[in-house]
Structures are given as structure tokens and as C-alpha cells.
Amino acid sequence: MAELVFHKSSQSNAFDECVEVATNVPGTVAVRDSKNPGGPILRFTPAAWADFRRALAQNAM
């Protein structure tokens, strides 16, 4: 498997804790905790990740 390349949101700064997301591996969206980069990684299908983001957006209103 290719190495995951994680990115933090452009809305975060160096002092905030947030999730990091990697989308560089086809068919996989990987998510990890920015304060524990060596810790567990959750992997989702792109469709499941899109559903999750959609649900968050709907609940944020």
C-alpha cells in the first residue's frame, strides 16, 4: 500500500488539536488524531466518508 499523506484543515493552526485526513490512496480516506500521529488510523471508503461529512453538515445547521 502507498504511504498515506495526511493534511490538516486550513482552518486549524499549529496549537489546535484536530483530525488529519489522507486521500492520496485510491479507494481510501484515512483519518487520524493530529496530537497522536503514531496512533490508530481509521479508514473509510470515499462514499462512507462523504456520507459522514454530509451528516455533520446537516447537524451543524
Foldseek 3Di string as FASTA:
>chain_A
DDDFDWDDDPPDDPPDKDKTWGDPDPQWIWIDTPVCVVDDIDIDGPVVVVVVVVVVVVVVD
